[in-house]
């Protein structure tokens, strides 16, 4: 494991032990295809299971037609490395470089096995 990843959080109240909520990174096309419906369904399913969620589509607002700075993708990858899991939606009708980068980063970081 990585030094920055906690095994669990302990509460110092007798024998009570509390584990940190698992955080899932939601990867998928942000504004194309069936992305909105997928993100809404994934959010609901993860919350029902008591999981926290990072959804990059909620983190950034870029005007239509703008060319996003590469720093946005680097920030997403930094968050991805802090998460406990990755949920990916691949739409065969949409080409998404960002989703590919997120999958590759998770594999290279050795916590996602394909």
Protein backbone atom coordinates (compact mmCIF):
# COMPACT_ATOMS: atom_id res chain seq x y z
CA UNK A 1 0.00 0.00 0.00
CA UNK A 2 0.97 3.61 -0.38
CA UNK A 3 2.04 5.79 2.53
CA UNK A 4 -0.80 8.22 1.81
CA UNK A 5 -3.51 5.54 2.02
CA UNK A 6 -4.90 4.88 5.50
CA UNK A 7 -5.69 1.30 6.46
CA UNK A 8 -8.53 2.44 8.68
CA UNK A 9 -9.47 5.17 11.10
CA UNK A 10 -9.67 4.30 14.78
CA UNK A 11 -11.97 6.00 17.24
CA UNK A 12 -10.53 6.19 20.74
CA UNK A 13 -13.76 5.34 22.52
CA UNK A 14 -13.27 2.01 24.23
CA UNK A 15 -13.20 -0.90 21.78
CA UNK A 16 -15.17 0.82 19.03
CA UNK A 17 -13.54 0.61 15.65
CA UNK A 18 -14.59 2.71 12.71
CA UNK A 19 -13.42 2.12 9.14
CA UNK A 20 -13.18 4.97 6.69
CA UNK A 21 -15.86 5.15 4.01
CA UNK A 22 -14.61 3.72 0.73
CA UNK A 23 -14.40 6.32 -2.03
CA UNK A 24 -15.09 5.39 -5.64
CA UNK A 25 -13.92 7.43 -8.63
CA UNK A 26 -16.56 7.60 -11.35
CA UNK A 27 -14.97 7.59 -14.82
CA UNK A 28 -16.92 8.02 -18.02
CA UNK A 29 -17.69 10.53 -20.74
CA UNK A 30 -18.72 13.73 -19.01
CA UNK A 31 -21.08 15.39 -21.45
CA UNK A 32 -21.66 12.96 -24.29
CA UNK A 33 -23.83 9.94 -25.01
CA UNK A 34 -25.72 8.51 -22.05
CA UNK A 35 -23.32 10.08 -19.53
CA UNK A 36 -25.86 11.95 -17.41
CA UNK A 37 -28.15 8.97 -16.96
CA UNK A 38 -25.20 6.71 -16.14
CA UNK A 39 -23.79 9.13 -13.58
CA UNK A 40 -27.16 9.57 -11.88
CA UNK A 41 -27.70 5.79 -11.65
CA UNK A 42 -24.14 5.15 -10.44
CA UNK A 43 -24.38 7.86 -7.79
CA UNK A 44 -27.61 6.38 -6.43
CA UNK A 45 -26.25 2.81 -6.42
CA UNK A 46 -23.01 3.78 -4.68
CA UNK A 47 -24.80 5.89 -2.05
CA UNK A 48 -27.17 2.98 -1.33
CA UNK A 49 -24.08 0.87 -0.59
CA UNK A 50 -22.60 3.49 1.73
CA UNK A 51 -19.81 4.54 -0.62
CA UNK A 52 -18.45 8.03 -1.13
CA UNK A 53 -18.08 9.15 -4.72
CA UNK A 54 -15.83 11.48 -6.68
CA UNK A 55 -17.46 12.50 -9.93
CA UNK A 56 -15.13 14.62 -12.09
CA UNK A 57 -18.11 15.99 -14.00
CA UNK A 58 -19.14 17.79 -10.81
CA UNK A 59 -15.68 19.22 -10.19
CA UNK A 60 -15.09 21.38 -13.23
CA UNK A 61 -17.08 23.79 -15.36
CA UNK A 62 -15.65 24.59 -18.78
CA UNK A 63 -17.53 26.72 -21.32
CA UNK A 64 -18.77 25.00 -24.47
CA UNK A 65 -16.08 24.99 -27.13
CA UNK A 66 -13.28 25.83 -24.71
CA UNK A 67 -10.06 23.85 -24.68
CA UNK A 68 -9.55 22.65 -21.08
CA UNK A 69 -6.14 23.06 -19.52
CA UNK A 70 -4.14 19.83 -19.02
CA UNK A 71 -4.03 20.78 -15.34
CA UNK A 72 -7.66 19.65 -15.01
CA UNK A 73 -6.74 16.11 -16.09
CA UNK A 74 -3.71 16.11 -13.77
CA UNK A 75 -5.97 17.14 -10.89
CA UNK A 76 -8.42 14.33 -11.71
CA UNK A 77 -5.56 11.79 -11.75
CA UNK A 78 -4.35 13.08 -8.36
CA UNK A 79 -7.85 12.51 -6.92
CA UNK A 80 -8.08 9.11 -8.61
CA UNK A 81 -4.91 8.00 -6.82
CA UNK A 82 -6.55 8.78 -3.47
CA UNK A 83 -9.68 6.73 -4.18
CA UNK A 84 -10.30 3.12 -3.19
CA UNK A 85 -11.89 2.03 -6.44
CA UNK A 86 -12.79 2.99 -9.98
CA UNK A 87 -16.17 2.61 -11.64
CA UNK A 88 -15.91 3.06 -15.41
CA UNK A 89 -18.69 3.62 -17.93
CA UNK A 90 -17.52 3.05 -21.50
CA UNK A 91 -19.92 4.22 -24.18
CA UNK A 92 -18.98 2.55 -27.49
CA UNK A 93 -20.37 5.53 -29.41
CA UNK A 94 -18.19 8.10 -27.65
CA UNK A 95 -14.43 8.54 -27.90
CA UNK A 96 -13.13 9.82 -24.56
CA UNK A 97 -9.42 10.38 -24.08
CA UNK A 98 -9.97 11.33 -20.43
CA UNK A 99 -11.53 7.98 -19.52
CA UNK A 100 -8.65 6.14 -21.16
CA UNK A 101 -6.14 8.21 -19.19
CA UNK A 102 -7.97 7.45 -15.93
CA UNK A 103 -7.96 3.69 -16.59
CA UNK A 104 -4.28 3.70 -17.57
CA UNK A 105 -3.34 5.71 -14.47
CA UNK A 106 -5.19 3.27 -12.20
CA UNK A 107 -3.42 0.32 -13.84
CA UNK A 108 -0.01 2.02 -13.68
CA UNK A 109 -0.60 2.88 -10.04
CA UNK A 110 -1.00 -0.92 -9.58
CA UNK A 111 -4.30 -0.88 -7.72
CA UNK A 112 -6.55 -1.64 -10.67
CA UNK A 113 -6.04 -5.08 -12.15
CA UNK A 114 -7.46 -5.85 -15.57
